[in-house]
Amino acid sequence: MFMTTQNAMLHCAPGRPDIALTANSGSYNAGMAAGAALGGLILPLADVRDTFLAGRLLTVGSCAVLLGGRLQRYGSKSAK
């Protein structure tokens, strides 16, 4: 997954690959920290299975948002 997002970042910033790679690494690390913090907040309130369920739901939701943005962008290009 990291390499896929890195490739997408390089397409977004073709003139400044150093900034794109830095932003990709930073967002990857921030995502891991946010996931660990969220898991640490949910785990005392629920059991382990519910914590994994929350992680799965967040992952599916984020994939849906990314897919929706991509479809919207390609839909606007084909409408022109």
N, C-alpha and C. Protein backbone atom coordinates (compact mmCIF):
# COMPACT_ATOMS: atom_id res chain seq x y z
N MET A 1 0.83 -1.19 0.00
CA MET A 1 0.00 0.00 0.00
C MET A 1 0.87 1.25 0.00
N PHE A 2 1.97 1.19 0.72
CA PHE A 2 2.85 2.36 0.79
C PHE A 2 3.38 2.74 -0.59
N MET A 3 3.75 1.74 -1.38
CA MET A 3 4.29 2.03 -2.71
C MET A 3 3.22 2.58 -3.64
N THR A 4 1.98 2.15 -3.48
CA THR A 4 0.89 2.66 -4.30
C THR A 4 0.64 4.13 -4.02
N THR A 5 0.60 4.50 -2.74
CA THR A 5 0.40 5.91 -2.41
C THR A 5 1.61 6.74 -2.80
N GLN A 6 2.78 6.15 -2.71
CA GLN A 6 3.99 6.88 -3.12
C GLN A 6 3.95 7.17 -4.62
N ASN A 7 3.50 6.23 -5.41
CA ASN A 7 3.38 6.44 -6.84
C ASN A 7 2.35 7.53 -7.15
N ALA A 8 1.23 7.51 -6.43
CA ALA A 8 0.20 8.54 -6.64
C ALA A 8 0.72 9.92 -6.25
N MET A 9 1.49 9.99 -5.18
CA MET A 9 2.05 11.28 -4.75
C MET A 9 3.04 11.81 -5.78
N LEU A 10 3.82 10.95 -6.38
CA LEU A 10 4.78 11.40 -7.39
C LEU A 10 4.08 11.90 -8.64
N HIS A 11 2.90 11.37 -8.94
CA HIS A 11 2.14 11.88 -10.08
C HIS A 11 1.54 13.25 -9.77
N CYS A 12 1.22 13.49 -8.49
CA CYS A 12 0.63 14.77 -8.11
C CYS A 12 1.66 15.90 -8.07
N ALA A 13 2.91 15.57 -7.79
CA ALA A 13 3.96 16.59 -7.67
C ALA A 13 5.17 16.20 -8.52
N PRO A 14 5.04 16.24 -9.85
CA PRO A 14 6.14 15.77 -10.69
C PRO A 14 7.38 16.66 -10.62
N GLY A 15 7.23 17.92 -10.28
CA GLY A 15 8.38 18.82 -10.24
C GLY A 15 9.17 18.76 -8.95
N ARG A 16 8.55 18.31 -7.87
CA ARG A 16 9.19 18.27 -6.56
C ARG A 16 9.04 16.89 -5.93
N PRO A 17 9.77 15.89 -6.40
CA PRO A 17 9.60 14.54 -5.84
C PRO A 17 10.05 14.43 -4.39
N ASP A 18 11.00 15.27 -3.98
CA ASP A 18 11.46 15.19 -2.59
C ASP A 18 10.35 15.59 -1.61
N ILE A 19 9.58 16.62 -1.96
CA ILE A 19 8.48 17.04 -1.10
C ILE A 19 7.36 16.00 -1.13
N ALA A 20 7.10 15.41 -2.29
CA ALA A 20 6.05 14.40 -2.40
C ALA A 20 6.40 13.17 -1.56
N LEU A 21 7.65 12.73 -1.61
CA LEU A 21 8.05 11.57 -0.84
C LEU A 21 8.02 11.86 0.66
N THR A 22 8.40 13.07 1.04
CA THR A 22 8.34 13.45 2.45
C THR A 22 6.91 13.50 2.95
N ALA A 23 6.01 14.06 2.15
CA ALA A 23 4.60 14.12 2.54
C ALA A 23 4.01 12.72 2.65
N ASN A 24 4.40 11.82 1.75
CA ASN A 24 3.90 10.45 1.79
C ASN A 24 4.38 9.74 3.06
N SER A 25 5.64 9.89 3.39
CA SER A 25 6.17 9.25 4.60
C SER A 25 5.52 9.83 5.85
N GLY A 26 5.36 11.13 5.88
CA GLY A 26 4.73 11.76 7.04
C GLY A 26 3.30 11.34 7.23
N SER A 27 2.54 11.27 6.14
CA SER A 27 1.14 10.87 6.26
C SER A 27 1.01 9.39 6.63
N TYR A 28 1.92 8.57 6.16
CA TYR A 28 1.92 7.15 6.51
C TYR A 28 2.17 6.98 8.01
N ASN A 29 3.17 7.68 8.53
CA ASN A 29 3.47 7.60 9.96
C ASN A 29 2.36 8.20 10.81
N ALA A 30 1.77 9.30 10.35
CA ALA A 30 0.66 9.90 11.09
C ALA A 30 -0.56 8.97 11.12
N GLY A 31 -0.79 8.27 10.04
CA GLY A 31 -1.89 7.30 9.99
C GLY A 31 -1.67 6.15 10.95
N MET A 32 -0.44 5.66 11.03
CA MET A 32 -0.16 4.58 11.99
C MET A 32 -0.33 5.07 13.42
N ALA A 33 0.12 6.28 13.71
CA ALA A 33 -0.03 6.82 15.06
C ALA A 33 -1.49 7.05 15.41
N ALA A 34 -2.27 7.56 14.45
CA ALA A 34 -3.70 7.79 14.70
C ALA A 34 -4.43 6.47 14.90
N GLY A 35 -4.08 5.45 14.14
CA GLY A 35 -4.70 4.14 14.30
C GLY A 35 -4.38 3.52 15.65
N ALA A 36 -3.14 3.66 16.09
CA ALA A 36 -2.76 3.13 17.40
C ALA A 36 -3.47 3.88 18.52
N ALA A 37 -3.58 5.19 18.37
CA ALA A 37 -4.27 5.97 19.40
C ALA A 37 -5.76 5.62 19.45
N LEU A 38 -6.37 5.47 18.29
CA LEU A 38 -7.79 5.12 18.25
C LEU A 38 -8.02 3.72 18.82
N GLY A 39 -7.14 2.79 18.49
CA GLY A 39 -7.24 1.45 19.06
C GLY A 39 -7.06 1.47 20.57
N GLY A 40 -6.15 2.31 21.05
CA GLY A 40 -5.96 2.43 22.49
C GLY A 40 -7.16 3.04 23.19
N LEU A 41 -7.92 3.88 22.49
CA LEU A 41 -9.13 4.46 23.08
C LEU A 41 -10.30 3.48 23.06
N ILE A 42 -10.39 2.69 21.99
CA ILE A 42 -11.52 1.77 21.85
C ILE A 42 -11.34 0.52 22.69
N LEU A 43 -10.12 0.05 22.83
CA LEU A 43 -9.87 -1.23 23.50
C LEU A 43 -10.38 -1.29 24.94
N PRO A 44 -10.22 -0.24 25.76
CA PRO A 44 -10.76 -0.34 27.12
C PRO A 44 -12.30 -0.33 27.16
N LEU A 45 -12.93 0.22 26.13
CA LEU A 45 -14.39 0.30 26.11
C LEU A 45 -15.04 -0.95 25.53
N ALA A 46 -14.31 -1.69 24.71
CA ALA A 46 -14.87 -2.86 24.04
C ALA A 46 -13.83 -3.98 24.09
N ASP A 47 -14.22 -5.13 23.60
CA ASP A 47 -13.24 -6.22 23.58
C ASP A 47 -12.41 -6.17 22.29
N VAL A 48 -11.55 -7.13 22.14
CA VAL A 48 -10.62 -7.12 21.01
C VAL A 48 -11.34 -7.24 19.68
N ARG A 49 -12.38 -8.06 19.61
CA ARG A 49 -13.10 -8.23 18.35
C ARG A 49 -13.77 -6.93 17.90
N ASP A 50 -14.31 -6.19 18.85
CA ASP A 50 -14.94 -4.91 18.49
C ASP A 50 -13.91 -3.89 18.04
N THR A 51 -12.72 -3.95 18.62
CA THR A 51 -11.64 -3.05 18.19
C THR A 51 -11.23 -3.35 16.75
N PHE A 52 -11.10 -4.63 16.41
CA PHE A 52 -10.78 -5.00 15.03
C PHE A 52 -11.92 -4.63 14.08
N LEU A 53 -13.16 -4.77 14.54
CA LEU A 53 -14.30 -4.38 13.72
C LEU A 53 -14.28 -2.88 13.43
N ALA A 54 -13.95 -2.08 14.43
CA ALA A 54 -13.85 -0.63 14.23
C ALA A 54 -12.75 -0.31 13.22
N GLY A 55 -11.63 -1.00 13.31
CA GLY A 55 -10.55 -0.79 12.34
C GLY A 55 -10.96 -1.16 10.93
N ARG A 56 -11.67 -2.27 10.80
CA ARG A 56 -12.15 -2.68 9.48
C ARG A 56 -13.14 -1.68 8.90
N LEU A 57 -14.03 -1.20 9.74
CA LEU A 57 -15.01 -0.23 9.26
C LEU A 57 -14.35 1.07 8.83
N LEU A 58 -13.36 1.52 9.57
CA LEU A 58 -12.63 2.73 9.17
C LEU A 58 -11.87 2.52 7.87
N THR A 59 -11.31 1.33 7.69
CA THR A 59 -10.59 1.03 6.46
C THR A 59 -11.54 1.01 5.26
N VAL A 60 -12.68 0.36 5.41
CA VAL A 60 -13.66 0.32 4.32
C VAL A 60 -14.18 1.72 4.01
N GLY A 61 -14.42 2.51 5.05
CA GLY A 61 -14.89 3.88 4.84
C GLY A 61 -13.86 4.74 4.11
N SER A 62 -12.61 4.61 4.48
CA SER A 62 -11.58 5.40 3.80
C SER A 62 -11.39 4.95 2.36
N CYS A 63 -11.49 3.66 2.11
CA CYS A 63 -11.40 3.18 0.72
C CYS A 63 -12.58 3.68 -0.10
N ALA A 64 -13.76 3.75 0.50
CA ALA A 64 -14.93 4.26 -0.21
C ALA A 64 -14.76 5.74 -0.55
N VAL A 65 -14.20 6.51 0.38
CA VAL A 65 -13.96 7.93 0.11
C VAL A 65 -12.95 8.09 -1.02
N LEU A 66 -11.86 7.33 -0.98
CA LEU A 66 -10.85 7.42 -2.04
C LEU A 66 -11.42 7.00 -3.40
N LEU A 67 -12.18 5.92 -3.41
CA LEU A 67 -12.77 5.46 -4.67
C LEU A 67 -13.79 6.47 -5.19
N GLY A 68 -14.57 7.05 -4.30
CA GLY A 68 -15.55 8.06 -4.72
C GLY A 68 -14.87 9.28 -5.32
N GLY A 69 -13.77 9.72 -4.72
CA GLY A 69 -13.03 10.85 -5.27
C GLY A 69 -12.44 10.55 -6.63
N ARG A 70 -11.94 9.34 -6.78
CA ARG A 70 -11.36 8.94 -8.06
C ARG A 70 -12.43 8.83 -9.14
N LEU A 71 -13.57 8.25 -8.79
CA LEU A 71 -14.66 8.14 -9.76
C LEU A 71 -15.22 9.50 -10.13
N GLN A 72 -15.29 10.39 -9.16
CA GLN A 72 -15.78 11.74 -9.43
C GLN A 72 -14.83 12.48 -10.36
N ARG A 73 -13.53 12.31 -10.14
CA ARG A 73 -12.55 12.99 -10.98
C ARG A 73 -12.59 12.45 -12.41
N TYR A 74 -12.68 11.13 -12.57
CA TYR A 74 -12.74 10.55 -13.91
C TYR A 74 -14.08 10.83 -14.58
N GLY A 75 -15.15 10.92 -13.79
CA GLY A 75 -16.45 11.22 -14.35
C GLY A 75 -16.51 12.63 -14.90
N SER A 76 -15.84 13.57 -14.24
CA SER A 76 -15.84 14.94 -14.73
C SER A 76 -14.98 15.10 -15.98
N LYS A 77 -13.95 14.27 -16.13
CA LYS A 77 -13.12 14.32 -17.34
C LYS A 77 -13.87 13.77 -18.54
N SER A 78 -14.64 12.70 -18.33
CA SER A 78 -15.35 12.10 -19.46
C SER A 78 -16.57 12.94 -19.87
N ALA A 79 -17.07 13.78 -18.97
CA ALA A 79 -18.22 14.61 -19.30
C ALA A 79 -17.85 15.79 -20.19
N LYS A 80 -16.59 16.12 -20.26
CA LYS A 80 -16.15 17.27 -21.06
C LYS A 80 -16.14 17.01 -22.51
